[in-house]
Amino acid sequence: MTVEQAERIAQSQFVWAILFILLFMIVVGYLVRTSDKREKKLMDFQDQSKAESNKREEWLKGHLDKNTEQLQDISQTIGVVQKEMSYMSDRIGRLEKQET
């Protein structure tokens, strides 16, 4: 191959078109691979976040149940105290009537 033939080949639009197409395919392949890797990382992160969120939710539900039970106990205790106060008030009222 002579220098002139090499120059003609290098100046040929056909050769440059083939080189451009090859370069384009290489770039697209690289972008697809990196996109797939990034998508996999995001999916893994989402799964991990979902698992952690479910764990937190269960923990919060447990504490909410405990708080609800404690509030029910407090409510019952207040009811008993109110009955006792009412009973004591009635007794004091009766004692005051007896003294007069």
PDB file of N, CA and C in Angstrom:
ATOM      1  N   MET A   1       0.845  -1.154   0.000  1.00  0.00           N
ATOM      2  CA  MET A   1       0.000   0.000   0.000  1.00  0.00           C
ATOM      3  C   MET A   1       0.903   1.233   0.000  1.00  0.00           C
ATOM      4  N   THR A   2       0.617   2.105  -0.894  1.00  0.00           N
ATOM      5  CA  THR A   2       1.442   3.310  -1.009  1.00  0.00           C
ATOM      6  C   THR A   2       0.883   4.406  -0.112  1.00  0.00           C
ATOM      7  N   VAL A   3       1.674   5.451   0.001  1.00  0.00           N
ATOM      8  CA  VAL A   3       1.273   6.583   0.838  1.00  0.00           C
ATOM      9  C   VAL A   3       0.039   7.255   0.249  1.00  0.00           C
ATOM     10  N   GLU A   4      -0.031   7.333  -1.056  1.00  0.00           N
ATOM     11  CA  GLU A   4      -1.177   7.963  -1.710  1.00  0.00           C
ATOM     12  C   GLU A   4      -2.453   7.183  -1.428  1.00  0.00           C
ATOM     13  N   GLN A   5      -2.362   5.868  -1.482  1.00  0.00           N
ATOM     14  CA  GLN A   5      -3.535   5.048  -1.193  1.00  0.00           C
ATOM     15  C   GLN A   5      -3.962   5.232   0.269  1.00  0.00           C
ATOM     16  N   ALA A   6      -3.018   5.286   1.156  1.00  0.00           N
ATOM     17  CA  ALA A   6      -3.324   5.494   2.573  1.00  0.00           C
ATOM     18  C   ALA A   6      -3.973   6.862   2.784  1.00  0.00           C
ATOM     19  N   GLU A   7      -3.488   7.874   2.066  1.00  0.00           N
ATOM     20  CA  GLU A   7      -4.077   9.208   2.180  1.00  0.00           C
ATOM     21  C   GLU A   7      -5.504   9.214   1.657  1.00  0.00           C
ATOM     22  N   ARG A   8      -5.747   8.524   0.543  1.00  0.00           N
ATOM     23  CA  ARG A   8      -7.100   8.449  -0.016  1.00  0.00           C
ATOM     24  C   ARG A   8      -8.044   7.727   0.941  1.00  0.00           C
ATOM     25  N   ILE A   9      -7.549   6.670   1.542  1.00  0.00           N
ATOM     26  CA  ILE A   9      -8.382   5.924   2.499  1.00  0.00           C
ATOM     27  C   ILE A   9      -8.691   6.804   3.711  1.00  0.00           C
ATOM     28  N   ALA A  10      -7.687   7.525   4.200  1.00  0.00           N
ATOM     29  CA  ALA A  10      -7.874   8.386   5.370  1.00  0.00           C
ATOM     30  C   ALA A  10      -8.821   9.539   5.061  1.00  0.00           C
ATOM     31  N   GLN A  11      -8.828  10.002   3.818  1.00  0.00           N
ATOM     32  CA  GLN A  11      -9.698  11.105   3.432  1.00  0.00           C
ATOM     33  C   GLN A  11     -11.087  10.621   3.027  1.00  0.00           C
ATOM     34  N   SER A  12     -11.275   9.351   2.914  1.00  0.00           N
ATOM     35  CA  SER A  12     -12.551   8.790   2.480  1.00  0.00           C
ATOM     36  C   SER A  12     -13.620   8.986   3.567  1.00  0.00           C
ATOM     37  N   GLN A  13     -14.777   9.465   3.157  1.00  0.00           N
ATOM     38  CA  GLN A  13     -15.878   9.648   4.104  1.00  0.00           C
ATOM     39  C   GLN A  13     -16.393   8.298   4.598  1.00  0.00           C
ATOM     40  N   PHE A  14     -16.294   7.289   3.802  1.00  0.00           N
ATOM     41  CA  PHE A  14     -16.751   5.953   4.169  1.00  0.00           C
ATOM     42  C   PHE A  14     -15.987   5.445   5.383  1.00  0.00           C
ATOM     43  N   VAL A  15     -14.680   5.609   5.379  1.00  0.00           N
ATOM     44  CA  VAL A  15     -13.850   5.153   6.498  1.00  0.00           C
ATOM     45  C   VAL A  15     -14.207   5.933   7.761  1.00  0.00           C
ATOM     46  N   TRP A  16     -14.350   7.238   7.613  1.00  0.00           N
ATOM     47  CA  TRP A  16     -14.697   8.058   8.782  1.00  0.00           C
ATOM     48  C   TRP A  16     -16.092   7.702   9.301  1.00  0.00           C
ATOM     49  N   ALA A  17     -17.000   7.387   8.402  1.00  0.00           N
ATOM     50  CA  ALA A  17     -18.345   6.982   8.823  1.00  0.00           C
ATOM     51  C   ALA A  17     -18.284   5.681   9.616  1.00  0.00           C
ATOM     52  N   ILE A  18     -17.498   4.720   9.142  1.00  0.00           N
ATOM     53  CA  ILE A  18     -17.353   3.449   9.859  1.00  0.00           C
ATOM     54  C   ILE A  18     -16.718   3.685  11.230  1.00  0.00           C
ATOM     55  N   LEU A  19     -15.665   4.501  11.270  1.00  0.00           N
ATOM     56  CA  LEU A  19     -15.019   4.807  12.553  1.00  0.00           C
ATOM     57  C   LEU A  19     -15.990   5.505  13.510  1.00  0.00           C
ATOM     58  N   PHE A  20     -16.769   6.423  12.971  1.00  0.00           N
ATOM     59  CA  PHE A  20     -17.744   7.125  13.799  1.00  0.00           C
ATOM     60  C   PHE A  20     -18.791   6.154  14.340  1.00  0.00           C
ATOM     61  N   ILE A  21     -19.281   5.263  13.489  1.00  0.00           N
ATOM     62  CA  ILE A  21     -20.281   4.277  13.922  1.00  0.00           C
ATOM     63  C   ILE A  21     -19.694   3.365  14.994  1.00  0.00           C
ATOM     64  N   LEU A  22     -18.459   2.911  14.810  1.00  0.00           N
ATOM     65  CA  LEU A  22     -17.817   2.061  15.820  1.00  0.00           C
ATOM     66  C   LEU A  22     -17.659   2.803  17.144  1.00  0.00           C
ATOM     67  N   LEU A  23     -17.202   4.040  17.056  1.00  0.00           N
ATOM     68  CA  LEU A  23     -17.047   4.840  18.272  1.00  0.00           C
ATOM     69  C   LEU A  23     -18.403   5.056  18.952  1.00  0.00           C
ATOM     70  N   PHE A  24     -19.417   5.328  18.154  1.00  0.00           N
ATOM     71  CA  PHE A  24     -20.761   5.523  18.690  1.00  0.00           C
ATOM     72  C   PHE A  24     -21.251   4.267  19.411  1.00  0.00           C
ATOM     73  N   MET A  25     -21.031   3.106  18.805  1.00  0.00           N
ATOM     74  CA  MET A  25     -21.460   1.838  19.415  1.00  0.00           C
ATOM     75  C   MET A  25     -20.702   1.576  20.716  1.00  0.00           C
ATOM     76  N   ILE A  26     -19.417   1.899  20.739  1.00  0.00           N
ATOM     77  CA  ILE A  26     -18.620   1.719  21.961  1.00  0.00           C
ATOM     78  C   ILE A  26     -19.150   2.625  23.073  1.00  0.00           C
ATOM     79  N   VAL A  27     -19.424   3.876  22.729  1.00  0.00           N
ATOM     80  CA  VAL A  27     -19.936   4.826  23.730  1.00  0.00           C
ATOM     81  C   VAL A  27     -21.306   4.390  24.237  1.00  0.00           C
ATOM     82  N   VAL A  28     -22.184   3.981  23.339  1.00  0.00           N
ATOM     83  CA  VAL A  28     -23.519   3.525  23.747  1.00  0.00           C
ATOM     84  C   VAL A  28     -23.404   2.294  24.638  1.00  0.00           C
ATOM     85  N   GLY A  29     -22.537   1.361  24.276  1.00  0.00           N
ATOM     86  CA  GLY A  29     -22.331   0.172  25.110  1.00  0.00           C
ATOM     87  C   GLY A  29     -21.853   0.539  26.504  1.00  0.00           C
ATOM     88  N   TYR A  30     -20.910   1.478  26.566  1.00  0.00           N
ATOM     89  CA  TYR A  30     -20.403   1.928  27.873  1.00  0.00           C
ATOM     90  C   TYR A  30     -21.518   2.564  28.695  1.00  0.00           C
ATOM     91  N   LEU A  31     -22.312   3.416  28.048  1.00  0.00           N
ATOM     92  CA  LEU A  31     -23.406   4.079  28.763  1.00  0.00           C
ATOM     93  C   LEU A  31     -24.441   3.080  29.262  1.00  0.00           C
ATOM     94  N   VAL A  32     -24.738   2.071  28.460  1.00  0.00           N
ATOM     95  CA  VAL A  32     -25.703   1.049  28.878  1.00  0.00           C
ATOM     96  C   VAL A  32     -25.167   0.281  30.082  1.00  0.00           C
ATOM     97  N   ARG A  33     -23.886  -0.094  30.042  1.00  0.00           N
ATOM     98  CA  ARG A  33     -23.298  -0.837  31.170  1.00  0.00           C
ATOM     99  C   ARG A  33     -23.313  -0.005  32.447  1.00  0.00           C
ATOM    100  N   THR A  34     -22.904   1.251  32.345  1.00  0.00           N
ATOM    101  CA  THR A  34     -22.884   2.091  33.548  1.00  0.00           C
ATOM    102  C   THR A  34     -24.301   2.371  34.037  1.00  0.00           C
ATOM    103  N   SER A  35     -25.226   2.509  33.105  1.00  0.00           N
ATOM    104  CA  SER A  35     -26.618   2.725  33.491  1.00  0.00           C
ATOM    105  C   SER A  35     -27.164   1.503  34.227  1.00  0.00           C
ATOM    106  N   ASP A  36     -26.853   0.313  33.741  1.00  0.00           N
ATOM    107  CA  ASP A  36     -27.301  -0.914  34.407  1.00  0.00           C
ATOM    108  C   ASP A  36     -26.710  -1.027  35.806  1.00  0.00           C
ATOM    109  N   LYS A  37     -25.426  -0.692  35.943  1.00  0.00           N
ATOM    110  CA  LYS A  37     -24.786  -0.740  37.264  1.00  0.00           C
ATOM    111  C   LYS A  37     -25.446   0.251  38.213  1.00  0.00           C
ATOM    112  N   ARG A  38     -25.682   1.458  37.717  1.00  0.00           N
ATOM    113  CA  ARG A  38     -26.305   2.494  38.546  1.00  0.00           C
ATOM    114  C   ARG A  38     -27.721   2.081  38.943  1.00  0.00           C
ATOM    115  N   GLU A  39     -28.453   1.496  38.001  1.00  0.00           N
ATOM    116  CA  GLU A  39     -29.815   1.045  38.297  1.00  0.00           C
ATOM    117  C   GLU A  39     -29.801  -0.050  39.356  1.00  0.00           C
ATOM    118  N   LYS A  40     -28.849  -0.977  39.249  1.00  0.00           N
ATOM    119  CA  LYS A  40     -28.754  -2.054  40.240  1.00  0.00           C
ATOM    120  C   LYS A  40     -28.436  -1.485  41.620  1.00  0.00           C
ATOM    121  N   LYS A  41     -27.520  -0.514  41.679  1.00  0.00           N
ATOM    122  CA  LYS A  41     -27.188   0.111  42.965  1.00  0.00           C
ATOM    123  C   LYS A  41     -28.413   0.797  43.559  1.00  0.00           C
ATOM    124  N   LEU A  42     -29.160   1.511  42.720  1.00  0.00           N
ATOM    125  CA  LEU A  42     -30.351   2.198  43.206  1.00  0.00           C
ATOM    126  C   LEU A  42     -31.408   1.213  43.697  1.00  0.00           C
ATOM    127  N   MET A  43     -31.580   0.115  42.974  1.00  0.00           N
ATOM    128  CA  MET A  43     -32.555  -0.895  43.392  1.00  0.00           C
ATOM    129  C   MET A  43     -32.134  -1.532  44.713  1.00  0.00           C
ATOM    130  N   ASP A  44     -30.844  -1.827  44.864  1.00  0.00           N
ATOM    131  CA  ASP A  44     -30.344  -2.378  46.129  1.00  0.00           C
ATOM    132  C   ASP A  44     -30.558  -1.390  47.269  1.00  0.00           C
ATOM    133  N   PHE A  45     -30.274  -0.119  47.007  1.00  0.00           N
ATOM    134  CA  PHE A  45     -30.468   0.911  48.029  1.00  0.00           C
ATOM    135  C   PHE A  45     -31.942   1.025  48.405  1.00  0.00           C
ATOM    136  N   GLN A  46     -32.818   0.948  47.408  1.00  0.00           N
ATOM    137  CA  GLN A  46     -34.253   1.030  47.678  1.00  0.00           C
ATOM    138  C   GLN A  46     -34.708  -0.165  48.514  1.00  0.00           C
ATOM    139  N   ASP A  47     -34.247  -1.360  48.178  1.00  0.00           N
ATOM    140  CA  ASP A  47     -34.607  -2.545  48.955  1.00  0.00           C
ATOM    141  C   ASP A  47     -34.107  -2.433  50.387  1.00  0.00           C
ATOM    142  N   GLN A  48     -32.885  -1.959  50.550  1.00  0.00           N
ATOM    143  CA  GLN A  48     -32.320  -1.789  51.891  1.00  0.00           C
ATOM    144  C   GLN A  48     -33.117  -0.740  52.678  1.00  0.00           C
ATOM    145  N   SER A  49     -33.458   0.348  52.029  1.00  0.00           N
ATOM    146  CA  SER A  49     -34.237   1.400  52.696  1.00  0.00           C
ATOM    147  C   SER A  49     -35.615   0.888  53.097  1.00  0.00           C
ATOM    148  N   LYS A  50     -36.216   0.093  52.217  1.00  0.00           N
ATOM    149  CA  LYS A  50     -37.531  -0.456  52.519  1.00  0.00           C
ATOM    150  C   LYS A  50     -37.457  -1.398  53.720  1.00  0.00           C
ATOM    151  N   ALA A  51     -36.432  -2.231  53.780  1.00  0.00           N
ATOM    152  CA  ALA A  51     -36.266  -3.149  54.911  1.00  0.00           C
ATOM    153  C   ALA A  51     -36.059  -2.368  56.209  1.00  0.00           C
ATOM    154  N   GLU A  52     -35.222  -1.338  56.163  1.00  0.00           N
ATOM    155  CA  GLU A  52     -34.995  -0.518  57.360  1.00  0.00           C
ATOM    156  C   GLU A  52     -36.273   0.209  57.769  1.00  0.00           C
ATOM    157  N   SER A  53     -37.023   0.679  56.795  1.00  0.00           N
ATOM    158  CA  SER A  53     -38.281   1.369  57.080  1.00  0.00           C
ATOM    159  C   SER A  53     -39.278   0.422  57.741  1.00  0.00           C
ATOM    160  N   ASN A  54     -39.367  -0.801  57.240  1.00  0.00           N
ATOM    161  CA  ASN A  54     -40.267  -1.787  57.842  1.00  0.00           C
ATOM    162  C   ASN A  54     -39.852  -2.101  59.273  1.00  0.00           C
ATOM    163  N   LYS A  55     -38.546  -2.199  59.504  1.00  0.00           N
ATOM    164  CA  LYS A  55     -38.044  -2.470  60.854  1.00  0.00           C
ATOM    165  C   LYS A  55     -38.414  -1.324  61.794  1.00  0.00           C
ATOM    166  N   ARG A  56     -38.219  -0.086  61.351  1.00  0.00           N
ATOM    167  CA  ARG A  56     -38.584   1.082  62.171  1.00  0.00           C
ATOM    168  C   ARG A  56     -40.088   1.110  62.433  1.00  0.00           C
ATOM    169  N   GLU A  57     -40.860   0.777  61.417  1.00  0.00           N
ATOM    170  CA  GLU A  57     -42.314   0.784  61.565  1.00  0.00           C
ATOM    171  C   GLU A  57     -42.757  -0.230  62.617  1.00  0.00           C
ATOM    172  N   GLU A  58     -42.187  -1.422  62.588  1.00  0.00           N
ATOM    173  CA  GLU A  58     -42.528  -2.436  63.590  1.00  0.00           C
ATOM    174  C   GLU A  58     -42.138  -1.966  64.983  1.00  0.00           C
ATOM    175  N   TRP A  59     -40.960  -1.347  65.106  1.00  0.00           N
ATOM    176  CA  TRP A  59     -40.506  -0.837  66.399  1.00  0.00           C
ATOM    177  C   TRP A  59     -41.466   0.236  66.906  1.00  0.00           C
ATOM    178  N   LEU A  60     -41.865   1.148  66.015  1.00  0.00           N
ATOM    179  CA  LEU A  60     -42.788   2.212  66.405  1.00  0.00           C
ATOM    180  C   LEU A  60     -44.164   1.660  66.779  1.00  0.00           C
ATOM    181  N   LYS A  61     -44.626   0.651  66.047  1.00  0.00           N
ATOM    182  CA  LYS A  61     -45.912   0.033  66.387  1.00  0.00           C
ATOM    183  C   LYS A  61     -45.855  -0.594  67.773  1.00  0.00           C
ATOM    184  N   GLY A  62     -44.744  -1.247  68.091  1.00  0.00           N
ATOM    185  CA  GLY A  62     -44.577  -1.845  69.412  1.00  0.00           C
ATOM    186  C   GLY A  62     -44.655  -0.792  70.505  1.00  0.00           C
ATOM    187  N   HIS A  63     -43.959   0.319  70.300  1.00  0.00           N
ATOM    188  CA  HIS A  63     -43.997   1.393  71.297  1.00  0.00           C
ATOM    189  C   HIS A  63     -45.378   2.035  71.374  1.00  0.00           C
ATOM    190  N   LEU A  64     -46.039   2.162  70.250  1.00  0.00           N
ATOM    191  CA  LEU A  64     -47.393   2.715  70.249  1.00  0.00           C
ATOM    192  C   LEU A  64     -48.340   1.803  71.021  1.00  0.00           C
ATOM    193  N   ASP A  65     -48.207   0.498  70.836  1.00  0.00           N
ATOM    194  CA  ASP A  65     -49.035  -0.452  71.585  1.00  0.00           C
ATOM    195  C   ASP A  65     -48.768  -0.343  73.084  1.00  0.00           C
ATOM    196  N   LYS A  66     -47.494  -0.237  73.467  1.00  0.00           N
ATOM    197  CA  LYS A  66     -47.157  -0.084  74.889  1.00  0.00           C
ATOM    198  C   LYS A  66     -47.757   1.202  75.452  1.00  0.00           C
ATOM    199  N   ASN A  67     -47.638   2.289  74.702  1.00  0.00           N
ATOM    200  CA  ASN A  67     -48.204   3.565  75.156  1.00  0.00           C
ATOM    201  C   ASN A  67     -49.718   3.484  75.294  1.00  0.00           C
ATOM    202  N   THR A  68     -50.361   2.808  74.357  1.00  0.00           N
ATOM    203  CA  THR A  68     -51.813   2.652  74.412  1.00  0.00           C
ATOM    204  C   THR A  68     -52.212   1.875  75.659  1.00  0.00           C
ATOM    205  N   GLU A  69     -51.495   0.798  75.955  1.00  0.00           N
ATOM    206  CA  GLU A  69     -51.788   0.019  77.163  1.00  0.00           C
ATOM    207  C   GLU A  69     -51.600   0.867  78.415  1.00  0.00           C
ATOM    208  N   GLN A  70     -50.531   1.635  78.458  1.00  0.00           N
ATOM    209  CA  GLN A  70     -50.282   2.485  79.625  1.00  0.00           C
ATOM    210  C   GLN A  70     -51.367   3.547  79.768  1.00  0.00           C
ATOM    211  N   LEU A  71     -51.804   4.118  78.655  1.00  0.00           N
ATOM    212  CA  LEU A  71     -52.875   5.117  78.716  1.00  0.00           C
ATOM    213  C   LEU A  71     -54.186   4.495  79.187  1.00  0.00           C
ATOM    214  N   GLN A  72     -54.449   3.264  78.790  1.00  0.00           N
ATOM    215  CA  GLN A  72     -55.649   2.581  79.271  1.00  0.00           C
ATOM    216  C   GLN A  72     -55.565   2.354  80.777  1.00  0.00           C
ATOM    217  N   ASP A  73     -54.393   1.940  81.249  1.00  0.00           N
ATOM    218  CA  ASP A  73     -54.204   1.756  82.691  1.00  0.00           C
ATOM    219  C   ASP A  73     -54.400   3.077  83.430  1.00  0.00           C
ATOM    220  N   ILE A  74     -53.837   4.146  82.904  1.00  0.00           N
ATOM    221  CA  ILE A  74     -53.981   5.466  83.530  1.00  0.00           C
ATOM    222  C   ILE A  74     -55.449   5.883  83.539  1.00  0.00           C
ATOM    223  N   SER A  75     -56.145   5.637  82.451  1.00  0.00           N
ATOM    224  CA  SER A  75     -57.560   5.984  82.360  1.00  0.00           C
ATOM    225  C   SER A  75     -58.368   5.225  83.404  1.00  0.00           C
ATOM    226  N   GLN A  76     -58.085   3.950  83.573  1.00  0.00           N
ATOM    227  CA  GLN A  76     -58.789   3.155  84.587  1.00  0.00           C
ATOM    228  C   GLN A  76     -58.475   3.675  85.987  1.00  0.00           C
ATOM    229  N   THR A  77     -57.223   4.005  86.224  1.00  0.00           N
ATOM    230  CA  THR A  77     -56.822   4.528  87.531  1.00  0.00           C
ATOM    231  C   THR A  77     -57.527   5.847  87.814  1.00  0.00           C
ATOM    232  N   ILE A  78     -57.612   6.716  86.837  1.00  0.00           N
ATOM    233  CA  ILE A  78     -58.303   7.995  87.012  1.00  0.00           C
ATOM    234  C   ILE A  78     -59.780   7.758  87.300  1.00  0.00           C
ATOM    235  N   GLY A  79     -60.380   6.785  86.625  1.00  0.00           N
ATOM    236  CA  GLY A  79     -61.782   6.449  86.891  1.00  0.00           C
ATOM    237  C   GLY A  79     -61.985   6.009  88.331  1.00  0.00           C
ATOM    238  N   VAL A  80     -61.078   5.172  88.830  1.00  0.00           N
ATOM    239  CA  VAL A  80     -61.163   4.711  90.221  1.00  0.00           C
ATOM    240  C   VAL A  80     -60.995   5.887  91.172  1.00  0.00           C
ATOM    241  N   VAL A  81     -60.027   6.755  90.895  1.00  0.00           N
ATOM    242  CA  VAL A  81     -59.790   7.925  91.750  1.00  0.00           C
ATOM    243  C   VAL A  81     -61.016   8.836  91.746  1.00  0.00           C
ATOM    244  N   GLN A  82     -61.647   9.026  90.596  1.00  0.00           N
ATOM    245  CA  GLN A  82     -62.844   9.863  90.531  1.00  0.00           C
ATOM    246  C   GLN A  82     -63.976   9.269  91.364  1.00  0.00           C
ATOM    247  N   LYS A  83     -64.147   7.956  91.311  1.00  0.00           N
ATOM    248  CA  LYS A  83     -65.181   7.307  92.122  1.00  0.00           C
ATOM    249  C   LYS A  83     -64.892   7.498  93.605  1.00  0.00           C
ATOM    250  N   GLU A  84     -63.635   7.319  93.983  1.00  0.00           N
ATOM    251  CA  GLU A  84     -63.246   7.496  95.385  1.00  0.00           C
ATOM    252  C   GLU A  84     -63.478   8.940  95.825  1.00  0.00           C
ATOM    253  N   MET A  85     -63.124   9.903  94.966  1.00  0.00           N
ATOM    254  CA  MET A  85     -63.332  11.315  95.298  1.00  0.00           C
ATOM    255  C   MET A  85     -64.820  11.605  95.459  1.00  0.00           C
ATOM    256  N   SER A  86     -65.627  11.047  94.574  1.00  0.00           N
ATOM    257  CA  SER A  86     -67.070  11.244  94.664  1.00  0.00           C
ATOM    258  C   SER A  86     -67.605  10.638  95.963  1.00  0.00           C
ATOM    259  N   TYR A  87     -67.150   9.447  96.280  1.00  0.00           N
ATOM    260  CA  TYR A  87     -67.569   8.775  97.517  1.00  0.00           C
ATOM    261  C   TYR A  87     -67.150   9.602  98.733  1.00  0.00           C
ATOM    262  N   MET A  88     -65.908  10.093  98.734  1.00  0.00           N
ATOM    263  CA  MET A  88     -65.418  10.903  99.850  1.00  0.00           C
ATOM    264  C   MET A  88     -66.205  12.208  99.948  1.00  0.00           C
ATOM    265  N   SER A  89     -66.525  12.812  98.833  1.00  0.00           N
ATOM    266  CA  SER A  89     -67.295  14.049  98.826  1.00  0.00           C
ATOM    267  C   SER A  89     -68.679  13.810  99.415  1.00  0.00           C
ATOM    268  N   ASP A  90     -69.294  12.696  99.041  1.00  0.00           N
ATOM    269  CA  ASP A  90     -70.608  12.353  99.595  1.00  0.00           C
ATOM    270  C   ASP A  90     -70.523  12.158 101.109  1.00  0.00           C
ATOM    271  N   ARG A  91     -69.493  11.463 101.562  1.00  0.00           N
ATOM    272  CA  ARG A  91     -69.327  11.215 103.006  1.00  0.00           C
ATOM    273  C   ARG A  91     -69.111  12.524 103.754  1.00  0.00           C
ATOM    274  N   ILE A  92     -68.276  13.405 103.187  1.00  0.00           N
ATOM    275  CA  ILE A  92     -68.030  14.699 103.830  1.00  0.00           C
ATOM    276  C   ILE A  92     -69.326  15.501 103.878  1.00  0.00           C
ATOM    277  N   GLY A  93     -70.088  15.459 102.803  1.00  0.00           N
ATOM    278  CA  GLY A  93     -71.375  16.162 102.773  1.00  0.00           C
ATOM    279  C   GLY A  93     -72.323  15.625 103.832  1.00  0.00           C
ATOM    280  N   ARG A  94     -72.392  14.316 103.994  1.00  0.00           N
ATOM    281  CA  ARG A  94     -73.251  13.716 105.014  1.00  0.00           C
ATOM    282  C   ARG A  94     -72.788  14.084 106.421  1.00  0.00           C
ATOM    283  N   LEU A  95     -71.460  14.079 106.622  1.00  0.00           N
ATOM    284  CA  LEU A  95     -70.925  14.443 107.936  1.00  0.00           C
ATOM    285  C   LEU A  95     -71.241  15.897 108.271  1.00  0.00           C
ATOM    286  N   GLU A  96     -71.161  16.777 107.295  1.00  0.00           N
ATOM    287  CA  GLU A  96     -71.468  18.185 107.518  1.00  0.00           C
ATOM    288  C   GLU A  96     -72.942  18.370 107.859  1.00  0.00           C
ATOM    289  N   LYS A  97     -73.813  17.587 107.229  1.00  0.00           N
ATOM    290  CA  LYS A  97     -75.246  17.674 107.514  1.00  0.00           C
ATOM    291  C   LYS A  97     -75.540  17.182 108.928  1.00  0.00           C
ATOM    292  N   GLN A  98     -74.822  16.149 109.340  1.00  0.00           N
ATOM    293  CA  GLN A  98     -75.045  15.601 110.684  1.00  0.00           C
ATOM    294  C   GLN A  98     -74.587  16.584 111.754  1.00  0.00           C
ATOM    295  N   GLU A  99     -73.564  17.341 111.495  1.00  0.00           N
ATOM    296  CA  GLU A  99     -73.039  18.288 112.473  1.00  0.00           C
ATOM    297  C   GLU A  99     -73.954  19.493 112.625  1.00  0.00           C
ATOM    298  N   THR A 100     -74.710  19.805 111.618  1.00  0.00           N
ATOM    299  CA  THR A 100     -75.548  20.998 111.716  1.00  0.00           C
ATOM    300  C   THR A 100     -76.883  20.739 112.319  1.00  0.00           C
TER     301      THR A 100
END
